[in-house]
Protein backbone atom coordinates (compact mmCIF):
# COMPACT_ATOMS: atom_id res chain seq x y z
CA MET A 1 0.00 0.00 0.00
CA ASN A 2 1.29 3.42 -0.90
CA LEU A 3 0.16 6.56 0.89
CA THR A 4 -0.11 10.03 -0.63
CA ALA A 5 1.91 12.85 0.93
CA VAL A 6 0.84 16.40 0.06
CA TYR A 7 3.18 19.39 0.45
CA VAL A 8 1.87 22.96 0.23
CA ARG A 9 3.73 26.25 0.64
CA SER A 10 2.23 28.17 3.57
CA GLY A 11 4.09 31.44 4.11
CA ASN A 12 7.64 30.58 5.14
CA TRP A 13 6.69 26.97 5.86
CA ILE A 14 5.84 23.86 3.91
CA ALA A 15 2.71 22.23 5.31
CA ALA A 16 2.52 18.47 4.81
CA TRP A 17 -0.06 15.75 5.40
CA ILE A 18 -1.00 12.21 4.42
CA GLU A 19 -4.27 12.20 2.45
CA GLU A 20 -5.39 8.74 3.55
CA ILE A 21 -4.83 9.09 7.31
CA PRO A 22 -6.53 11.96 9.16
CA GLY A 23 -4.35 13.58 11.79
CA VAL A 24 -1.02 12.93 10.07
CA ASN A 25 0.10 16.47 9.37
CA THR A 26 3.10 18.64 10.08
CA GLN A 27 5.29 21.36 8.61
CA GLY A 28 8.92 22.15 7.89
CA ALA A 29 11.11 24.97 6.69
CA THR A 30 12.37 22.87 3.76
CA MET A 31 11.02 19.94 1.76
CA GLU A 32 13.54 17.65 3.45
CA GLU A 33 12.46 18.82 6.91
CA ALA A 34 8.75 18.58 6.04
CA ARG A 35 9.26 15.06 4.65
CA ALA A 36 11.20 13.93 7.75
CA ASN A 37 8.61 15.50 10.06
CA LEU A 38 5.83 13.79 8.11
CA ARG A 39 7.47 10.37 8.50
CA GLU A 40 7.77 11.02 12.24
CA ALA A 41 4.14 12.19 12.48
CA LEU A 42 2.97 9.05 10.68
CA ALA A 43 4.99 6.81 13.00
CA LEU A 44 3.61 8.60 16.08
CA ILE A 45 -0.01 8.35 14.90
CA LEU A 46 0.35 4.63 14.12
CA GLU A 47 2.02 4.02 17.49
CA ASP A 48 -0.72 5.94 19.30
CA ASN A 49 -3.50 4.14 17.39
CA ARG A 50 -1.90 0.77 18.20
CA ALA A 51 -1.72 1.66 21.91
CA ASP A 52 -5.38 2.75 21.88
CA ALA A 53 -6.40 -0.50 20.16
CA GLU A 54 -4.45 -2.62 22.65
CA GLN A 55 -6.06 -0.76 25.54
CA ALA A 56 -9.51 -1.40 24.05
CA LEU A 57 -8.74 -5.14 23.92
CA ILE A 58 -8.18 -5.48 27.65
CA GLY A 59 -10.72 -7.97 28.96
CA GLN A 60 -11.72 -9.07 25.44
CA LEU A 61 -11.43 -12.62 24.15
CA VAL A 62 -9.08 -12.11 21.21
CA LEU A 63 -9.49 -14.95 18.73
CA GLU A 64 -6.49 -14.10 16.60
CA ARG A 65 -4.04 -11.36 15.69
CA GLU A 66 -2.26 -11.39 12.35
CA GLN A 67 -0.30 -9.15 10.02
CA PHE A 68 -2.57 -7.64 7.42
CA ALA A 69 -1.31 -6.28 4.12
CA LEU A 70 -3.46 -4.09 1.94
CA LEU A 71 -2.83 -4.67 -1.73
CA VAL A 72 -4.41 -2.02 -3.88
């Protein structure tokens, strides 16, 4: 699965976000900085979502957990 990063000039900054995942957004002074910050923002959102999901599973009877690849 490939995600779509969008970069937009906003004053002195470059705003960046991932189209497919709400909440993954950041900015940087350069394209390189914006890209690096976006990778970090994506990692943090996924980590936070995973922690929330694990918390929601406490007390649940989990039948199975598996890796899931989305092929588009």
